[in-house]
PDB file of all heavy atoms in Angstrom:
ATOM      1  N   PRO A   1      97.193  84.792 116.570  1.00  0.00           N
ATOM      2  CA  PRO A   1      97.940  85.787 115.791  1.00  0.00           C
ATOM      3  C   PRO A   1      96.999  86.847 115.241  1.00  0.00           C
ATOM      4  O   PRO A   1      95.867  86.550 114.853  1.00  0.00           O
ATOM      5  CB  PRO A   1      98.582  84.958 114.671  1.00  0.00           C
ATOM      6  CG  PRO A   1      97.781  83.702 114.603  1.00  0.00           C
ATOM      7  CD  PRO A   1      97.282  83.436 115.982  1.00  0.00           C
ATOM      8  N   THR A   2      97.472  88.083 115.211  1.00  0.00           N
ATOM      9  CA  THR A   2      96.656  89.207 114.767  1.00  0.00           C
ATOM     10  C   THR A   2      97.025  89.608 113.348  1.00  0.00           C
ATOM     11  O   THR A   2      98.206  89.694 112.998  1.00  0.00           O
ATOM     12  CB  THR A   2      96.844  90.423 115.696  1.00  0.00           C
ATOM     13  OG1 THR A   2      96.388  90.079 116.998  1.00  0.00           O
ATOM     14  CG2 THR A   2      96.047  91.625 115.201  1.00  0.00           C
ATOM     15  N   VAL A   3      96.008  89.845 112.535  1.00  0.00           N
ATOM     16  CA  VAL A   3      96.208  90.406 111.203  1.00  0.00           C
ATOM     17  C   VAL A   3      95.857  91.887 111.283  1.00  0.00           C
ATOM     18  O   VAL A   3      94.696  92.258 111.487  1.00  0.00           O
ATOM     19  CB  VAL A   3      95.322  89.711 110.151  1.00  0.00           C
ATOM     20  CG1 VAL A   3      95.594  90.308 108.764  1.00  0.00           C
ATOM     21  CG2 VAL A   3      95.564  88.211 110.135  1.00  0.00           C
ATOM     22  N   ASN A   4      96.860  92.742 111.150  1.00  0.00           N
ATOM     23  CA  ASN A   4      96.648  94.184 111.184  1.00  0.00           C
ATOM     24  C   ASN A   4      96.362  94.696 109.776  1.00  0.00           C
ATOM     25  O   ASN A   4      97.173  94.487 108.866  1.00  0.00           O
ATOM     26  CB  ASN A   4      97.875  94.905 111.749  1.00  0.00           C
ATOM     27  CG  ASN A   4      98.001  94.740 113.251  1.00  0.00           C
ATOM     28  OD1 ASN A   4      96.994  94.708 113.964  1.00  0.00           O
ATOM     29  ND2 ASN A   4      99.223  94.629 113.739  1.00  0.00           N
ATOM     30  N   VAL A   5      95.227  95.358 109.633  1.00  0.00           N
ATOM     31  CA  VAL A   5      94.782  95.810 108.314  1.00  0.00           C
ATOM     32  C   VAL A   5      94.731  97.334 108.293  1.00  0.00           C
ATOM     33  O   VAL A   5      94.222  97.966 109.232  1.00  0.00           O
ATOM     34  CB  VAL A   5      93.393  95.237 107.977  1.00  0.00           C
ATOM     35  CG1 VAL A   5      92.935  95.712 106.595  1.00  0.00           C
ATOM     36  CG2 VAL A   5      93.425  93.703 108.032  1.00  0.00           C
ATOM     37  N   ALA A   6      95.256  97.924 107.235  1.00  0.00           N
ATOM     38  CA  ALA A   6      95.120  99.363 106.988  1.00  0.00           C
ATOM     39  C   ALA A   6      94.133  99.542 105.841  1.00  0.00           C
ATOM     40  O   ALA A   6      94.334  98.977 104.763  1.00  0.00           O
ATOM     41  CB  ALA A   6      96.464  99.986 106.631  1.00  0.00           C
ATOM     42  N   VAL A   7      93.066 100.306 106.086  1.00  0.00           N
ATOM     43  CA  VAL A   7      92.049 100.542 105.057  1.00  0.00           C
ATOM     44  C   VAL A   7      92.215 101.970 104.556  1.00  0.00           C
ATOM     45  O   VAL A   7      91.869 102.932 105.264  1.00  0.00           O
ATOM     46  CB  VAL A   7      90.621 100.312 105.603  1.00  0.00           C
ATOM     47  CG1 VAL A   7      89.599 100.524 104.486  1.00  0.00           C
ATOM     48  CG2 VAL A   7      90.492  98.910 106.186  1.00  0.00           C
ATOM     49  N   LEU A   8      92.755 102.109 103.360  1.00  0.00           N
ATOM     50  CA  LEU A   8      92.958 103.425 102.765  1.00  0.00           C
ATOM     51  C   LEU A   8      91.757 103.740 101.881  1.00  0.00           C
ATOM     52  O   LEU A   8      91.533 103.079 100.875  1.00  0.00           O
ATOM     53  CB  LEU A   8      94.256 103.445 101.957  1.00  0.00           C
ATOM     54  CG  LEU A   8      95.516 102.989 102.709  1.00  0.00           C
ATOM     55  CD1 LEU A   8      96.753 103.158 101.833  1.00  0.00           C
ATOM     56  CD2 LEU A   8      95.679 103.740 104.023  1.00  0.00           C
ATOM     57  N   GLY A   9      90.990 104.741 102.282  1.00  0.00           N
ATOM     58  CA  GLY A   9      89.722 105.030 101.624  1.00  0.00           C
ATOM     59  C   GLY A   9      88.581 104.386 102.396  1.00  0.00           C
ATOM     60  O   GLY A   9      87.670 103.800 101.810  1.00  0.00           O
ATOM     61  N   ALA A  10      88.620 104.520 103.727  1.00  0.00           N
ATOM     62  CA  ALA A  10      87.686 103.786 104.597  1.00  0.00           C
ATOM     63  C   ALA A  10      86.255 104.283 104.510  1.00  0.00           C
ATOM     64  O   ALA A  10      85.323 103.546 104.848  1.00  0.00           O
ATOM     65  CB  ALA A  10      88.170 103.847 106.047  1.00  0.00           C
ATOM     66  N   THR A  11      86.049 105.525 104.079  1.00  0.00           N
ATOM     67  CA  THR A  11      84.691 106.074 104.082  1.00  0.00           C
ATOM     68  C   THR A  11      83.949 105.861 102.770  1.00  0.00           C
ATOM     69  O   THR A  11      82.777 106.206 102.661  1.00  0.00           O
ATOM     70  CB  THR A  11      84.721 107.580 104.400  1.00  0.00           C
ATOM     71  OG1 THR A  11      85.573 108.251 103.456  1.00  0.00           O
ATOM     72  CG2 THR A  11      85.245 107.830 105.806  1.00  0.00           C
ATOM     73  N   GLY A  12      84.609 105.279 101.772  1.00  0.00           N
ATOM     74  CA  GLY A  12      83.929 104.944 100.523  1.00  0.00           C
ATOM     75  C   GLY A  12      83.162 103.639 100.639  1.00  0.00           C
ATOM     76  O   GLY A  12      83.181 102.969 101.687  1.00  0.00           O
ATOM     77  N   SER A  13      82.496 103.251  99.558  1.00  0.00           N
ATOM     78  CA  SER A  13      81.674 102.042  99.609  1.00  0.00           C
ATOM     79  C   SER A  13      82.518 100.789  99.850  1.00  0.00           C
ATOM     80  O   SER A  13      82.114  99.901 100.613  1.00  0.00           O
ATOM     81  CB  SER A  13      80.878 101.897  98.304  1.00  0.00           C
ATOM     82  OG  SER A  13      81.740 101.849  97.176  1.00  0.00           O
ATOM     83  N   ILE A  14      83.703 100.708  99.234  1.00  0.00           N
ATOM     84  CA  ILE A  14      84.581  99.570  99.478  1.00  0.00           C
ATOM     85  C   ILE A  14      85.115  99.610 100.907  1.00  0.00           C
ATOM     86  O   ILE A  14      85.192  98.579 101.596  1.00  0.00           O
ATOM     87  CB  ILE A  14      85.757  99.552  98.474  1.00  0.00           C
ATOM     88  CG1 ILE A  14      85.236  99.343  97.049  1.00  0.00           C
ATOM     89  CG2 ILE A  14      86.757  98.463  98.837  1.00  0.00           C
ATOM     90  CD1 ILE A  14      84.598  97.997  96.807  1.00  0.00           C
ATOM     91  N   GLY A  15      85.490 100.786 101.366  1.00  0.00           N
ATOM     92  CA  GLY A  15      86.039 100.916 102.709  1.00  0.00           C
ATOM     93  C   GLY A  15      85.049 100.503 103.789  1.00  0.00           C
ATOM     94  O   GLY A  15      85.390  99.760 104.721  1.00  0.00           O
ATOM     95  N   THR A  16      83.812 100.985 103.688  1.00  0.00           N
ATOM     96  CA  THR A  16      82.823 100.632 104.710  1.00  0.00           C
ATOM     97  C   THR A  16      82.485  99.141 104.656  1.00  0.00           C
ATOM     98  O   THR A  16      82.274  98.506 105.696  1.00  0.00           O
ATOM     99  CB  THR A  16      81.541 101.463 104.554  1.00  0.00           C
ATOM    100  OG1 THR A  16      81.041 101.330 103.212  1.00  0.00           O
ATOM    101  CG2 THR A  16      81.814 102.941 104.820  1.00  0.00           C
ATOM    102  N   ALA A  17      82.463  98.569 103.446  1.00  0.00           N
ATOM    103  CA  ALA A  17      82.230  97.124 103.334  1.00  0.00           C
ATOM    104  C   ALA A  17      83.393  96.347 103.946  1.00  0.00           C
ATOM    105  O   ALA A  17      83.193  95.292 104.567  1.00  0.00           O
ATOM    106  CB  ALA A  17      82.042  96.732 101.866  1.00  0.00           C
ATOM    107  N   THR A  18      84.611  96.868 103.802  1.00  0.00           N
ATOM    108  CA  THR A  18      85.774  96.216 104.403  1.00  0.00           C
ATOM    109  C   THR A  18      85.672  96.220 105.923  1.00  0.00           C
ATOM    110  O   THR A  18      86.019  95.225 106.588  1.00  0.00           O
ATOM    111  CB  THR A  18      87.073  96.907 103.962  1.00  0.00           C
ATOM    112  OG1 THR A  18      87.178  96.866 102.539  1.00  0.00           O
ATOM    113  CG2 THR A  18      88.289  96.239 104.575  1.00  0.00           C
ATOM    114  N   ILE A  19      85.201  97.317 106.493  1.00  0.00           N
ATOM    115  CA  ILE A  19      85.017  97.378 107.949  1.00  0.00           C
ATOM    116  C   ILE A  19      84.035  96.298 108.393  1.00  0.00           C
ATOM    117  O   ILE A  19      84.252  95.600 109.396  1.00  0.00           O
ATOM    118  CB  ILE A  19      84.525  98.773 108.382  1.00  0.00           C
ATOM    119  CG1 ILE A  19      85.533  99.858 107.976  1.00  0.00           C
ATOM    120  CG2 ILE A  19      84.259  98.803 109.877  1.00  0.00           C
ATOM    121  CD1 ILE A  19      86.889  99.724 108.578  1.00  0.00           C
ATOM    122  N   ASP A  20      82.948  96.127 107.651  1.00  0.00           N
ATOM    123  CA  ASP A  20      81.988  95.051 107.945  1.00  0.00           C
ATOM    124  C   ASP A  20      82.670  93.690 107.921  1.00  0.00           C
ATOM    125  O   ASP A  20      82.438  92.838 108.788  1.00  0.00           O
ATOM    126  CB  ASP A  20      80.840  95.060 106.932  1.00  0.00           C
ATOM    127  CG  ASP A  20      79.871  96.204 107.130  1.00  0.00           C
ATOM    128  OD1 ASP A  20      79.913  96.832 108.215  1.00  0.00           O
ATOM    129  OD2 ASP A  20      79.082  96.472 106.209  1.00  0.00           O
ATOM    130  N   VAL A  21      83.499  93.473 106.898  1.00  0.00           N
ATOM    131  CA  VAL A  21      84.187  92.188 106.753  1.00  0.00           C
ATOM    132  C   VAL A  21      85.141  91.947 107.918  1.00  0.00           C
ATOM    133  O   VAL A  21      85.222  90.828 108.453  1.00  0.00           O
ATOM    134  CB  VAL A  21      84.942  92.132 105.406  1.00  0.00           C
ATOM    135  CG1 VAL A  21      85.879  90.921 105.351  1.00  0.00           C
ATOM    136  CG2 VAL A  21      83.951  92.084 104.250  1.00  0.00           C
ATOM    137  N   LEU A  22      85.859  92.977 108.348  1.00  0.00           N
ATOM    138  CA  LEU A  22      86.787  92.821 109.470  1.00  0.00           C
ATOM    139  C   LEU A  22      86.049  92.425 110.744  1.00  0.00           C
ATOM    140  O   LEU A  22      86.503  91.545 111.501  1.00  0.00           O
ATOM    141  CB  LEU A  22      87.567  94.116 109.695  1.00  0.00           C
ATOM    142  CG  LEU A  22      88.610  94.474 108.632  1.00  0.00           C
ATOM    143  CD1 LEU A  22      89.272  95.805 108.959  1.00  0.00           C
ATOM    144  CD2 LEU A  22      89.662  93.375 108.514  1.00  0.00           C
ATOM    145  N   HIS A  23      84.911  93.058 111.015  1.00  0.00           N
ATOM    146  CA  HIS A  23      84.107  92.675 112.188  1.00  0.00           C
ATOM    147  C   HIS A  23      83.673  91.215 112.076  1.00  0.00           C
ATOM    148  O   HIS A  23      83.743  90.454 113.057  1.00  0.00           O
ATOM    149  CB  HIS A  23      82.873  93.578 112.301  1.00  0.00           C
ATOM    150  CG  HIS A  23      83.167  94.953 112.794  1.00  0.00           C
ATOM    151  ND1 HIS A  23      83.801  95.206 113.987  1.00  0.00           N
ATOM    152  CD2 HIS A  23      82.896  96.173 112.258  1.00  0.00           C
ATOM    153  CE1 HIS A  23      83.916  96.514 114.165  1.00  0.00           C
ATOM    154  NE2 HIS A  23      83.378  97.118 113.125  1.00  0.00           N
ATOM    155  N   HIS A  24      83.219  90.843 110.897  1.00  0.00           N
ATOM    156  CA  HIS A  24      82.745  89.471 110.684  1.00  0.00           C
ATOM    157  C   HIS A  24      83.877  88.465 110.877  1.00  0.00           C
ATOM    158  O   HIS A  24      83.709  87.450 111.585  1.00  0.00           O
ATOM    159  CB  HIS A  24      82.164  89.344 109.276  1.00  0.00           C
ATOM    160  CG  HIS A  24      81.862  87.948 108.864  1.00  0.00           C
ATOM    161  ND1 HIS A  24      80.858  87.196 109.434  1.00  0.00           N
ATOM    162  CD2 HIS A  24      82.459  87.149 107.922  1.00  0.00           C
ATOM    163  CE1 HIS A  24      80.842  85.985 108.873  1.00  0.00           C
ATOM    164  NE2 HIS A  24      81.792  85.942 107.964  1.00  0.00           N
ATOM    165  N   LEU A  25      85.036  88.737 110.266  1.00  0.00           N
ATOM    166  CA  LEU A  25      86.156  87.812 110.389  1.00  0.00           C
ATOM    167  C   LEU A  25      86.620  87.691 111.836  1.00  0.00           C
ATOM    168  O   LEU A  25      86.980  86.591 112.298  1.00  0.00           O
ATOM    169  CB  LEU A  25      87.317  88.276 109.510  1.00  0.00           C
ATOM    170  CG  LEU A  25      87.126  88.106 108.003  1.00  0.00           C
ATOM    171  CD1 LEU A  25      88.308  88.713 107.246  1.00  0.00           C
ATOM    172  CD2 LEU A  25      86.973  86.634 107.624  1.00  0.00           C
ATOM    173  N   ASP A  26      86.606  88.788 112.563  1.00  0.00           N
ATOM    174  CA  ASP A  26      87.062  88.727 113.951  1.00  0.00           C
ATOM    175  C   ASP A  26      86.111  87.907 114.817  1.00  0.00           C
ATOM    176  O   ASP A  26      86.509  87.377 115.851  1.00  0.00           O
ATOM    177  CB  ASP A  26      87.220  90.144 114.520  1.00  0.00           C
ATOM    178  CG  ASP A  26      88.113  90.170 115.739  1.00  0.00           C
ATOM    179  OD1 ASP A  26      89.192  89.533 115.691  1.00  0.00           O
ATOM    180  OD2 ASP A  26      87.732  90.785 116.744  1.00  0.00           O
ATOM    181  N   ARG A  27      84.841  87.799 114.372  1.00  0.00           N
ATOM    182  CA  ARG A  27      83.878  86.962 115.111  1.00  0.00           C
ATOM    183  C   ARG A  27      84.032  85.480 114.791  1.00  0.00           C
ATOM    184  O   ARG A  27      83.920  84.637 115.685  1.00  0.00           O
ATOM    185  CB  ARG A  27      82.441  87.393 114.777  1.00  0.00           C
ATOM    186  CG  ARG A  27      82.002  88.697 115.389  1.00  0.00           C
ATOM    187  CD  ARG A  27      80.476  88.846 115.310  1.00  0.00           C
ATOM    188  NE  ARG A  27      79.982  88.767 113.937  1.00  0.00           N
ATOM    189  CZ  ARG A  27      79.849  89.793 113.123  1.00  0.00           C
ATOM    190  NH1 ARG A  27      80.208  91.000 113.549  1.00  0.00           N
ATOM    191  NH2 ARG A  27      79.390  89.657 111.900  1.00  0.00           N
ATOM    192  N   ILE A  28      84.299  85.155 113.510  1.00  0.00           N
ATOM    193  CA  ILE A  28      84.176  83.756 113.109  1.00  0.00           C
ATOM    194  C   ILE A  28      85.508  83.037 112.861  1.00  0.00           C
ATOM    195  O   ILE A  28      85.543  81.805 112.809  1.00  0.00           O
ATOM    196  CB  ILE A  28      83.269  83.620 111.858  1.00  0.00           C
ATOM    197  CG1 ILE A  28      83.879  84.352 110.649  1.00  0.00           C
ATOM    198  CG2 ILE A  28      81.879  84.171 112.152  1.00  0.00           C
ATOM    199  CD1 ILE A  28      84.536  83.473 109.645  1.00  0.00           C
ATOM    200  N   ASP A  29      86.589  83.797 112.673  1.00  0.00           N
ATOM    201  CA  ASP A  29      87.868  83.155 112.367  1.00  0.00           C
ATOM    202  C   ASP A  29      88.480  82.605 113.656  1.00  0.00           C
ATOM    203  O   ASP A  29      88.861  83.370 114.553  1.00  0.00           O
ATOM    204  CB  ASP A  29      88.813  84.160 111.705  1.00  0.00           C
ATOM    205  CG  ASP A  29      90.066  83.509 111.129  1.00  0.00           C
ATOM    206  OD1 ASP A  29      90.290  82.313 111.408  1.00  0.00           O
ATOM    207  OD2 ASP A  29      90.813  84.191 110.405  1.00  0.00           O
ATOM    208  N   GLU A  30      88.594  81.298 113.752  1.00  0.00           N
ATOM    209  CA  GLU A  30      89.096  80.661 114.968  1.00  0.00           C
ATOM    210  C   GLU A  30      90.612  80.561 115.003  1.00  0.00           C
ATOM    211  O   GLU A  30      91.187  80.056 115.971  1.00  0.00           O
ATOM    212  CB  GLU A  30      88.486  79.265 115.114  1.00  0.00           C
ATOM    213  CG  GLU A  30      86.973  79.295 115.277  1.00  0.00           C
ATOM    214  CD  GLU A  30      86.390  77.914 115.514  1.00  0.00           C
ATOM    215  OE1 GLU A  30      87.081  76.918 115.223  1.00  0.00           O
ATOM    216  OE2 GLU A  30      85.246  77.833 115.989  1.00  0.00           O
ATOM    217  N   THR A  31      91.269  81.055 113.950  1.00  0.00           N
ATOM    218  CA  THR A  31      92.733  80.952 113.893  1.00  0.00           C
ATOM    219  C   THR A  31      93.438  82.296 113.971  1.00  0.00           C
ATOM    220  O   THR A  31      94.642  82.342 114.213  1.00  0.00           O
ATOM    221  CB  THR A  31      93.172  80.252 112.592  1.00  0.00           C
ATOM    222  OG1 THR A  31      92.822  81.083 111.469  1.00  0.00           O
ATOM    223  CG2 THR A  31      92.508  78.891 112.455  1.00  0.00           C
ATOM    224  N   LYS A  32      92.705  83.395 113.756  1.00  0.00           N
ATOM    225  CA  LYS A  32      93.335  84.714 113.742  1.00  0.00           C
ATOM    226  C   LYS A  32      92.416  85.754 114.369  1.00  0.00           C
ATOM    227  O   LYS A  32      91.189  85.591 114.387  1.00  0.00           O
ATOM    228  CB  LYS A  32      93.679  85.159 112.312  1.00  0.00           C
ATOM    229  CG  LYS A  32      94.639  84.244 111.562  1.00  0.00           C
ATOM    230  CD  LYS A  32      94.890  84.755 110.152  1.00  0.00           C
ATOM    231  CE  LYS A  32      95.709  83.753 109.336  1.00  0.00           C
ATOM    232  NZ  LYS A  32      97.055  83.537 109.889  1.00  0.00           N
ATOM    233  N   THR A  33      93.012  86.820 114.841  1.00  0.00           N
ATOM    234  CA  THR A  33      92.285  88.010 115.261  1.00  0.00           C
ATOM    235  C   THR A  33      92.493  89.089 114.202  1.00  0.00           C
ATOM    236  O   THR A  33      93.621  89.297 113.739  1.00  0.00           O
ATOM    237  CB  THR A  33      92.793  88.517 116.623  1.00  0.00           C
ATOM    238  OG1 THR A  33      92.486  87.548 117.624  1.00  0.00           O
ATOM    239  CG2 THR A  33      92.142  89.843 116.994  1.00  0.00           C
ATOM    240  N   TRP A  34      91.424  89.767 113.820  1.00  0.00           N
ATOM    241  CA  TRP A  34      91.491  90.778 112.766  1.00  0.00           C
ATOM    242  C   TRP A  34      91.339  92.160 113.375  1.00  0.00           C
ATOM    243  O   TRP A  34      90.413  92.410 114.151  1.00  0.00           O
ATOM    244  CB  TRP A  34      90.410  90.515 111.715  1.00  0.00           C
ATOM    245  CG  TRP A  34      90.666  89.251 110.961  1.00  0.00           C
ATOM    246  CD1 TRP A  34      90.360  87.984 111.353  1.00  0.00           C
ATOM    247  CD2 TRP A  34      91.327  89.139 109.698  1.00  0.00           C
ATOM    248  NE1 TRP A  34      90.781  87.070 110.415  1.00  0.00           N
ATOM    249  CE2 TRP A  34      91.371  87.760 109.375  1.00  0.00           C
ATOM    250  CE3 TRP A  34      91.858  90.048 108.797  1.00  0.00           C
ATOM    251  CZ2 TRP A  34      91.946  87.280 108.202  1.00  0.00           C
ATOM    252  CZ3 TRP A  34      92.425  89.580 107.628  1.00  0.00           C
ATOM    253  CH2 TRP A  34      92.466  88.210 107.345  1.00  0.00           C
ATOM    254  N   ASN A  35      92.248  93.053 113.004  1.00  0.00           N
ATOM    255  CA  ASN A  35      92.330  94.350 113.660  1.00  0.00           C
ATOM    256  C   ASN A  35      92.474  95.477 112.638  1.00  0.00           C
ATOM    257  O   ASN A  35      93.245  95.369 111.679  1.00  0.00           O
ATOM    258  CB  ASN A  35      93.552  94.363 114.602  1.00  0.00           C
ATOM    259  CG  ASN A  35      93.764  95.707 115.264  1.00  0.00           C
ATOM    260  OD1 ASN A  35      92.844  96.270 115.832  1.00  0.00           O
ATOM    261  ND2 ASN A  35      94.980  96.211 115.196  1.00  0.00           N
ATOM    262  N   LEU A  36      91.713  96.543 112.819  1.00  0.00           N
ATOM    263  CA  LEU A  36      91.874  97.752 112.001  1.00  0.00           C
ATOM    264  C   LEU A  36      93.006  98.576 112.602  1.00  0.00           C
ATOM    265  O   LEU A  36      92.830  99.258 113.610  1.00  0.00           O
ATOM    266  CB  LEU A  36      90.574  98.562 111.970  1.00  0.00           C
ATOM    267  CG  LEU A  36      90.630  99.863 111.163  1.00  0.00           C
ATOM    268  CD1 LEU A  36      90.813  99.574 109.676  1.00  0.00           C
ATOM    269  CD2 LEU A  36      89.365 100.693 111.389  1.00  0.00           C
ATOM    270  N   TRP A  37      94.182  98.510 111.978  1.00  0.00           N
ATOM    271  CA  TRP A  37      95.350  99.200 112.517  1.00  0.00           C
ATOM    272  C   TRP A  37      95.379 100.669 112.107  1.00  0.00           C
ATOM    273  O   TRP A  37      95.843 101.525 112.848  1.00  0.00           O
ATOM    274  CB  TRP A  37      96.634  98.510 112.040  1.00  0.00           C
ATOM    275  CG  TRP A  37      97.850  98.907 112.809  1.00  0.00           C
ATOM    276  CD1 TRP A  37      98.329  98.331 113.954  1.00  0.00           C
ATOM    277  CD2 TRP A  37      98.751  99.988 112.499  1.00  0.00           C
ATOM    278  NE1 TRP A  37      99.468  98.986 114.375  1.00  0.00           N
ATOM    279  CE2 TRP A  37      99.751 100.004 113.499  1.00  0.00           C
ATOM    280  CE3 TRP A  37      98.811 100.934 111.483  1.00  0.00           C
ATOM    281  CZ2 TRP A  37     100.788 100.931 113.503  1.00  0.00           C
ATOM    282  CZ3 TRP A  37      99.845 101.869 111.493  1.00  0.00           C
ATOM    283  CH2 TRP A  37     100.819 101.858 112.489  1.00  0.00           C
ATOM    284  N   ALA A  38      94.877 100.961 110.917  1.00  0.00           N
ATOM    285  CA  ALA A  38      94.867 102.341 110.422  1.00  0.00           C
ATOM    286  C   ALA A  38      93.749 102.503 109.406  1.00  0.00           C
ATOM    287  O   ALA A  38      93.317 101.537 108.773  1.00  0.00           O
ATOM    288  CB  ALA A  38      96.214 102.711 109.796  1.00  0.00           C
ATOM    289  N   ALA A  39      93.289 103.736 109.268  1.00  0.00           N
ATOM    290  CA  ALA A  39      92.237 104.043 108.297  1.00  0.00           C
ATOM    291  C   ALA A  39      92.445 105.452 107.784  1.00  0.00           C
ATOM    292  O   ALA A  39      92.995 106.315 108.474  1.00  0.00           O
ATOM    293  CB  ALA A  39      90.853 103.906 108.931  1.00  0.00           C
ATOM    294  N   SER A  40      91.990 105.683 106.554  1.00  0.00           N
ATOM    295  CA  SER A  40      92.083 107.030 105.988  1.00  0.00           C
ATOM    296  C   SER A  40      90.758 107.429 105.352  1.00  0.00           C
ATOM    297  O   SER A  40      89.959 106.574 104.971  1.00  0.00           O
ATOM    298  CB  SER A  40      93.210 107.107 104.944  1.00  0.00           C
ATOM    299  OG  SER A  40      92.780 106.582 103.696  1.00  0.00           O
ATOM    300  N   GLY A  41      90.554 108.733 105.260  1.00  0.00           N
ATOM    301  CA  GLY A  41      89.392 109.285 104.589  1.00  0.00           C
ATOM    302  C   GLY A  41      89.747 110.640 104.016  1.00  0.00           C
ATOM    303  O   GLY A  41      90.904 111.086 104.094  1.00  0.00           O
ATOM    304  N   HIS A  42      88.750 111.311 103.464  1.00  0.00           N
ATOM    305  CA  HIS A  42      88.997 112.626 102.866  1.00  0.00           C
ATOM    306  C   HIS A  42      88.386 113.720 103.735  1.00  0.00           C
ATOM    307  O   HIS A  42      89.085 114.364 104.512  1.00  0.00           O
ATOM    308  CB  HIS A  42      88.438 112.680 101.449  1.00  0.00           C
ATOM    309  CG  HIS A  42      88.695 113.978 100.747  1.00  0.00           C
ATOM    310  ND1 HIS A  42      89.928 114.592 100.741  1.00  0.00           N
ATOM    311  CD2 HIS A  42      87.870 114.792 100.027  1.00  0.00           C
ATOM    312  CE1 HIS A  42      89.866 115.717 100.054  1.00  0.00           C
ATOM    313  NE2 HIS A  42      88.627 115.864  99.614  1.00  0.00           N
ATOM    314  N   ARG A  43      87.055 113.873 103.657  1.00  0.00           N
ATOM    315  CA  ARG A  43      86.407 114.933 104.446  1.00  0.00           C
ATOM    316  C   ARG A  43      85.280 114.428 105.338  1.00  0.00           C
ATOM    317  O   ARG A  43      84.736 115.194 106.120  1.00  0.00           O
ATOM    318  CB  ARG A  43      85.824 115.990 103.506  1.00  0.00           C
ATOM    319  CG  ARG A  43      86.858 116.822 102.789  1.00  0.00           C
ATOM    320  CD  ARG A  43      86.192 117.932 102.000  1.00  0.00           C
ATOM    321  NE  ARG A  43      87.165 118.728 101.286  1.00  0.00           N
ATOM    322  CZ  ARG A  43      87.012 119.182 100.058  1.00  0.00           C
ATOM    323  NH1 ARG A  43      85.905 118.888  99.390  1.00  0.00           N
ATOM    324  NH2 ARG A  43      87.935 119.917  99.481  1.00  0.00           N
ATOM    325  N   ASN A  44      84.922 113.157 105.202  1.00  0.00           N
ATOM    326  CA  ASN A  44      83.772 112.648 105.944  1.00  0.00           C
ATOM    327  C   ASN A  44      84.196 112.316 107.374  1.00  0.00           C
ATOM    328  O   ASN A  44      84.359 111.148 107.760  1.00  0.00           O
ATOM    329  CB  ASN A  44      83.183 111.420 105.251  1.00  0.00           C
ATOM    330  CG  ASN A  44      81.774 111.119 105.720  1.00  0.00           C
ATOM    331  OD1 ASN A  44      81.382 111.492 106.821  1.00  0.00           O
ATOM    332  ND2 ASN A  44      80.998 110.451 104.887  1.00  0.00           N
ATOM    333  N   VAL A  45      84.351 113.373 108.169  1.00  0.00           N
ATOM    334  CA  VAL A  45      84.860 113.244 109.538  1.00  0.00           C
ATOM    335  C   VAL A  45      83.932 112.395 110.394  1.00  0.00           C
ATOM    336  O   VAL A  45      84.381 111.515 111.142  1.00  0.00           O
ATOM    337  CB  VAL A  45      85.036 114.649 110.164  1.00  0.00           C
ATOM    338  CG1 VAL A  45      85.367 114.543 111.641  1.00  0.00           C
ATOM    339  CG2 VAL A  45      86.119 115.422 109.421  1.00  0.00           C
ATOM    340  N   GLN A  46      82.636 112.634 110.283  1.00  0.00           N
ATOM    341  CA  GLN A  46      81.683 111.918 111.131  1.00  0.00           C
ATOM    342  C   GLN A  46      81.719 110.410 110.870  1.00  0.00           C
ATOM    343  O   GLN A  46      81.804 109.616 111.813  1.00  0.00           O
ATOM    344  CB  GLN A  46      80.267 112.446 110.901  1.00  0.00           C
ATOM    345  CG  GLN A  46      79.212 111.747 111.757  1.00  0.00           C
ATOM    346  CD  GLN A  46      77.821 112.330 111.552  1.00  0.00           C
ATOM    347  OE1 GLN A  46      77.662 113.388 110.943  1.00  0.00           O
ATOM    348  NE2 GLN A  46      76.808 111.645 112.065  1.00  0.00           N
ATOM    349  N   LEU A  47      81.668 110.015 109.600  1.00  0.00           N
ATOM    350  CA  LEU A  47      81.661 108.588 109.283  1.00  0.00           C
ATOM    351  C   LEU A  47      82.976 107.930 109.690  1.00  0.00           C
ATOM    352  O   LEU A  47      82.980 106.816 110.237  1.00  0.00           O
ATOM    353  CB  LEU A  47      81.405 108.376 107.790  1.00  0.00           C
ATOM    354  CG  LEU A  47      81.413 106.921 107.305  1.00  0.00           C
ATOM    355  CD1 LEU A  47      80.400 106.083 108.077  1.00  0.00           C
ATOM    356  CD2 LEU A  47      81.132 106.850 105.799  1.00  0.00           C
TER     357      LEU A  47
END
């Protein structure tokens, strides 16, 4: 089963840490797949 996550404020310190956590969970969680379904930011287009 997939857990779809929306990260609102993805380019801030909490948002980038959340992206790290999603990658980690998708590697180690043997019961679920973790997916970034949507993300938002303000002006930091590159990040």
